[in-house]
Structure formats: C-alpha cells, structure tokens
C-alpha cells in the first residue's frame, strides 16, 4: 500500500511539473549554482555560462532542482561546451557519458577533440529523429 501511495505521489508530481514547465525555483537555483561553480566544468571558461542538466529535465522532471544532476558549461562561440560536450553537438540530444567526459577533461584537457567525438557518437535522442 505504501509503495503504491509513493508511486502515485511521484507520478502526480511529475505530471504537475510537466504541465506547468519549470519550477518557479529554477531561476534562483541556476543563478546560485553558477555563483558557487563560476567556471565551465569542461574548459574552465568564466563567461557565457549555462547550468546544464546531466539527465535532461524532460526525461526526469524530479531531478530539475537536484544539484547532483547539474553542471556548469559554457556557450562560448566555437568552444561551446554546452552544445558539443553536454549535448553531443545537437541540442535535440543529450550526452549520457557526460560525467565521464568531464572527468577525462579535468585530467587531460588536450583530449577535448576525442571527448567531443565520443559525445557525438554516444549522444541519445529523447524523441525519434527523422
């Protein structure tokens, strides 16, 4: 009984979030997250920063405000870590290996081209792409 009640509450919350869009707390959380993480996690840039969901918001709305699901990535011109590493060079996709890729870049920034190629090769689309 308790498990069914928890599942019902979870699904009701997910449905409410999907119907209303972003949480009203999102903007404040994102601003604070950038203040506490003032560099791009992939390249170290300090401008044009975006908060990126590791597991996309639309796949699991319950993780929208979970800091463990967030990372700061830049959107600087050709570097654009948000697009190339966070999304595998397509904003219609996400990079399921993002945590591993970021860890590799911290150890060896010179592997950036290889990481981007892997992000593209492993990107996942959450909807069917024609």
Foldseek 3Di string as FASTA:
>chain_A
DVVVVVVVVQVVVLVVCVVVPDDPCQVVLFVVLCVVVQAALQPGDRPQKGKAFLPDCNVHVVCSNPVVRIGIHHCPPPVGCCQQQQALNDPQWGQNCNVVLSVVCVVPVVCVVVNSVVSVVRTDGPDDDD
